[in-house]
Amino acid sequence: MLYLGPVIFGFLIGFVVGIRVRNTSSINLTIGSYVIIFLVALIIAWQSGPYPFFNDVPISTSFLSAAIGLIVGNVIKKIISKTQ
């Protein structure tokens, strides 16, 4: 059984951080870089393993959802900043 609490809170925290991060350098992230970031986050989540007493899946679902929230928040911030 998947515990939704850590997944939802991880996504929300990642989303807020993704929106609040400022781009102070001239580095532009492409779709390929987002894929690489997601794959690295997946490997880190796999190596972290589930938190104690969470035996639903063999990965850290909260870390993975926070990484997804970070990417989603960053993409939404870029979309909003282009329309203004």
N, C-alpha and C. Protein backbone atom coordinates (compact mmCIF):
# COMPACT_ATOMS: atom_id res chain seq x y z
N MET A 1 0.83 -1.17 0.00
CA MET A 1 0.00 0.00 0.00
C MET A 1 0.89 1.25 0.00
N LEU A 2 0.58 2.18 -0.87
CA LEU A 2 1.35 3.41 -1.00
C LEU A 2 0.83 4.45 -0.02
N TYR A 3 1.71 4.97 0.81
CA TYR A 3 1.33 6.02 1.75
C TYR A 3 1.37 7.36 1.01
N LEU A 4 0.25 8.05 0.96
CA LEU A 4 0.15 9.27 0.17
C LEU A 4 0.67 10.51 0.91
N GLY A 5 0.77 10.46 2.20
CA GLY A 5 1.24 11.62 2.96
C GLY A 5 2.62 12.09 2.54
N PRO A 6 3.64 11.22 2.58
CA PRO A 6 4.98 11.66 2.17
C PRO A 6 5.04 12.06 0.69
N VAL A 7 4.25 11.42 -0.15
CA VAL A 7 4.26 11.75 -1.57
C VAL A 7 3.68 13.15 -1.79
N ILE A 8 2.57 13.45 -1.16
CA ILE A 8 1.92 14.75 -1.34
C ILE A 8 2.78 15.87 -0.75
N PHE A 9 3.27 15.68 0.47
CA PHE A 9 4.09 16.72 1.09
C PHE A 9 5.42 16.89 0.36
N GLY A 10 6.01 15.81 -0.12
CA GLY A 10 7.24 15.93 -0.89
C GLY A 10 7.02 16.72 -2.17
N PHE A 11 5.90 16.45 -2.86
CA PHE A 11 5.60 17.18 -4.09
C PHE A 11 5.35 18.65 -3.79
N LEU A 12 4.60 18.94 -2.73
CA LEU A 12 4.31 20.33 -2.40
C LEU A 12 5.57 21.11 -2.05
N ILE A 13 6.44 20.52 -1.26
CA ILE A 13 7.68 21.20 -0.89
C ILE A 13 8.57 21.39 -2.12
N GLY A 14 8.67 20.38 -2.97
CA GLY A 14 9.45 20.51 -4.20
C GLY A 14 8.85 21.54 -5.14
N PHE A 15 7.53 21.61 -5.21
CA PHE A 15 6.86 22.58 -6.07
C PHE A 15 7.12 24.00 -5.60
N VAL A 16 7.02 24.23 -4.30
CA VAL A 16 7.26 25.57 -3.75
C VAL A 16 8.71 25.98 -3.97
N VAL A 17 9.64 25.07 -3.74
CA VAL A 17 11.05 25.39 -3.96
C VAL A 17 11.31 25.63 -5.45
N GLY A 18 10.68 24.86 -6.32
CA GLY A 18 10.86 25.05 -7.76
C GLY A 18 10.35 26.38 -8.24
N ILE A 19 9.29 26.88 -7.64
CA ILE A 19 8.77 28.19 -8.02
C ILE A 19 9.64 29.31 -7.45
N ARG A 20 10.17 29.12 -6.26
CA ARG A 20 10.92 30.18 -5.59
C ARG A 20 12.38 30.28 -6.01
N VAL A 21 12.94 29.27 -6.66
CA VAL A 21 14.35 29.31 -7.05
C VAL A 21 14.54 30.36 -8.13
N ARG A 22 15.52 31.21 -7.93
CA ARG A 22 15.81 32.26 -8.91
C ARG A 22 16.91 31.79 -9.84
N ASN A 23 16.77 32.16 -11.09
CA ASN A 23 17.78 31.82 -12.09
C ASN A 23 18.77 32.98 -12.16
N THR A 24 19.86 32.89 -11.38
CA THR A 24 20.84 33.97 -11.34
C THR A 24 21.93 33.80 -12.37
N SER A 25 22.00 32.66 -13.02
CA SER A 25 23.02 32.45 -14.03
C SER A 25 22.37 32.41 -15.40
N SER A 26 23.18 32.30 -16.41
CA SER A 26 22.67 32.27 -17.78
C SER A 26 22.47 30.84 -18.27
N ILE A 27 22.39 29.89 -17.36
CA ILE A 27 22.20 28.49 -17.72
C ILE A 27 20.72 28.26 -18.02
N ASN A 28 20.43 27.77 -19.21
CA ASN A 28 19.06 27.45 -19.59
C ASN A 28 18.91 25.94 -19.62
N LEU A 29 17.94 25.43 -18.87
CA LEU A 29 17.71 23.99 -18.83
C LEU A 29 16.83 23.58 -20.01
N THR A 30 17.26 22.54 -20.69
CA THR A 30 16.50 22.02 -21.82
C THR A 30 15.73 20.78 -21.36
N ILE A 31 14.96 20.22 -22.27
CA ILE A 31 14.20 19.01 -21.94
C ILE A 31 15.15 17.86 -21.60
N GLY A 32 16.26 17.78 -22.31
CA GLY A 32 17.24 16.73 -22.03
C GLY A 32 17.84 16.84 -20.63
N SER A 33 18.07 18.07 -20.19
CA SER A 33 18.62 18.24 -18.84
C SER A 33 17.59 17.88 -17.78
N TYR A 34 16.30 18.15 -18.05
CA TYR A 34 15.26 17.72 -17.11
C TYR A 34 15.18 16.19 -17.03
N VAL A 35 15.37 15.53 -18.16
CA VAL A 35 15.37 14.05 -18.17
C VAL A 35 16.54 13.52 -17.37
N ILE A 36 17.72 14.11 -17.54
CA ILE A 36 18.91 13.68 -16.78
C ILE A 36 18.70 13.91 -15.28
N ILE A 37 18.15 15.06 -14.92
CA ILE A 37 17.88 15.36 -13.50
C ILE A 37 16.90 14.34 -12.93
N PHE A 38 15.86 14.00 -13.69
CA PHE A 38 14.89 13.00 -13.23
C PHE A 38 15.53 11.63 -13.07
N LEU A 39 16.38 11.23 -14.01
CA LEU A 39 17.04 9.92 -13.91
C LEU A 39 17.98 9.86 -12.71
N VAL A 40 18.71 10.93 -12.47
CA VAL A 40 19.60 10.97 -11.30
C VAL A 40 18.78 10.93 -10.01
N ALA A 41 17.65 11.65 -9.98
CA ALA A 41 16.78 11.61 -8.80
C ALA A 41 16.21 10.22 -8.59
N LEU A 42 15.89 9.53 -9.68
CA LEU A 42 15.39 8.16 -9.57
C LEU A 42 16.45 7.22 -9.00
N ILE A 43 17.69 7.38 -9.43
CA ILE A 43 18.78 6.56 -8.89
C ILE A 43 19.01 6.85 -7.41
N ILE A 44 18.98 8.13 -7.04
CA ILE A 44 19.16 8.49 -5.63
C ILE A 44 18.01 7.95 -4.79
N ALA A 45 16.78 8.04 -5.31
CA ALA A 45 15.63 7.51 -4.57
C ALA A 45 15.73 6.00 -4.42
N TRP A 46 16.24 5.32 -5.44
CA TRP A 46 16.40 3.87 -5.37
C TRP A 46 17.44 3.50 -4.32
N GLN A 47 18.56 4.24 -4.30
CA GLN A 47 19.62 3.94 -3.34
C GLN A 47 19.23 4.33 -1.91
N SER A 48 18.37 5.34 -1.76
CA SER A 48 17.92 5.74 -0.42
C SER A 48 17.03 4.69 0.21
N GLY A 49 16.21 4.06 -0.61
CA GLY A 49 15.30 3.05 -0.10
C GLY A 49 14.12 3.67 0.61
N PRO A 50 13.17 2.85 1.00
CA PRO A 50 11.99 3.38 1.69
C PRO A 50 12.35 3.82 3.10
N TYR A 51 11.60 4.78 3.59
CA TYR A 51 11.80 5.21 4.97
C TYR A 51 11.35 4.10 5.91
N PRO A 52 11.76 4.17 7.17
CA PRO A 52 11.34 3.12 8.11
C PRO A 52 9.83 2.95 8.16
N PHE A 53 9.41 1.75 8.17
CA PHE A 53 8.01 1.33 8.24
C PHE A 53 7.24 1.59 6.95
N PHE A 54 7.89 2.10 5.91
CA PHE A 54 7.23 2.27 4.62
C PHE A 54 7.76 1.18 3.70
N ASN A 55 7.05 0.10 3.57
CA ASN A 55 7.50 -1.01 2.74
C ASN A 55 6.63 -1.15 1.51
N ASP A 56 6.12 -0.02 0.99
CA ASP A 56 5.23 -0.08 -0.16
C ASP A 56 6.00 -0.33 -1.45
N VAL A 57 7.03 0.42 -1.71
CA VAL A 57 7.87 0.25 -2.90
C VAL A 57 9.32 0.34 -2.46
N PRO A 58 10.25 -0.20 -3.25
CA PRO A 58 11.65 -0.20 -2.82
C PRO A 58 12.40 1.11 -3.07
N ILE A 59 11.68 2.21 -3.34
CA ILE A 59 12.34 3.50 -3.54
C ILE A 59 11.79 4.51 -2.55
N SER A 60 12.49 5.62 -2.42
CA SER A 60 12.03 6.70 -1.56
C SER A 60 11.02 7.53 -2.34
N THR A 61 9.75 7.29 -2.10
CA THR A 61 8.70 7.96 -2.84
C THR A 61 8.64 9.45 -2.52
N SER A 62 8.96 9.84 -1.31
CA SER A 62 8.91 11.26 -0.95
C SER A 62 10.03 12.03 -1.65
N PHE A 63 11.22 11.45 -1.76
CA PHE A 63 12.31 12.13 -2.46
C PHE A 63 12.00 12.25 -3.95
N LEU A 64 11.48 11.19 -4.53
CA LEU A 64 11.16 11.22 -5.95
C LEU A 64 10.04 12.21 -6.24
N SER A 65 9.02 12.27 -5.40
CA SER A 65 7.94 13.23 -5.63
C SER A 65 8.43 14.66 -5.40
N ALA A 66 9.37 14.87 -4.49
CA ALA A 66 9.93 16.21 -4.30
C ALA A 66 10.73 16.63 -5.52
N ALA A 67 11.47 15.71 -6.12
CA ALA A 67 12.22 16.04 -7.33
C ALA A 67 11.27 16.35 -8.49
N ILE A 68 10.19 15.60 -8.60
CA ILE A 68 9.20 15.87 -9.64
C ILE A 68 8.53 17.23 -9.39
N GLY A 69 8.21 17.53 -8.14
CA GLY A 69 7.63 18.83 -7.80
C GLY A 69 8.58 19.97 -8.10
N LEU A 70 9.86 19.77 -7.88
CA LEU A 70 10.86 20.79 -8.18
C LEU A 70 10.89 21.08 -9.68
N ILE A 71 10.88 20.05 -10.49
CA ILE A 71 10.90 20.23 -11.94
C ILE A 71 9.60 20.88 -12.41
N VAL A 72 8.46 20.42 -11.91
CA VAL A 72 7.17 20.99 -12.31
C VAL A 72 7.08 22.46 -11.91
N GLY A 73 7.51 22.79 -10.70
CA GLY A 73 7.48 24.17 -10.26
C GLY A 73 8.37 25.06 -11.09
N ASN A 74 9.55 24.57 -11.46
CA ASN A 74 10.47 25.34 -12.29
C ASN A 74 9.90 25.56 -13.68
N VAL A 75 9.28 24.55 -14.26
CA VAL A 75 8.70 24.68 -15.59
C VAL A 75 7.52 25.65 -15.57
N ILE A 76 6.67 25.56 -14.56
CA ILE A 76 5.52 26.47 -14.47
C ILE A 76 5.99 27.90 -14.27
N LYS A 77 7.06 28.11 -13.49
CA LYS A 77 7.59 29.45 -13.30
C LYS A 77 8.10 30.02 -14.63
N LYS A 78 8.76 29.19 -15.42
CA LYS A 78 9.24 29.65 -16.73
C LYS A 78 8.09 29.98 -17.66
N ILE A 79 7.04 29.19 -17.63
CA ILE A 79 5.88 29.44 -18.49
C ILE A 79 5.21 30.76 -18.08
N ILE A 80 5.06 30.96 -16.77
CA ILE A 80 4.42 32.19 -16.29
C ILE A 80 5.28 33.41 -16.60
N SER A 81 6.60 33.30 -16.46
CA SER A 81 7.47 34.45 -16.71
C SER A 81 7.52 34.81 -18.18
N LYS A 82 7.30 33.85 -19.10
CA LYS A 82 7.29 34.15 -20.53
C LYS A 82 6.01 34.87 -20.94
N THR A 83 4.92 34.64 -20.22
CA THR A 83 3.66 35.27 -20.60
C THR A 83 3.55 36.70 -20.05
N GLN A 84 4.39 37.05 -19.09
CA GLN A 84 4.29 38.41 -18.51
C GLN A 84 5.11 39.39 -19.27
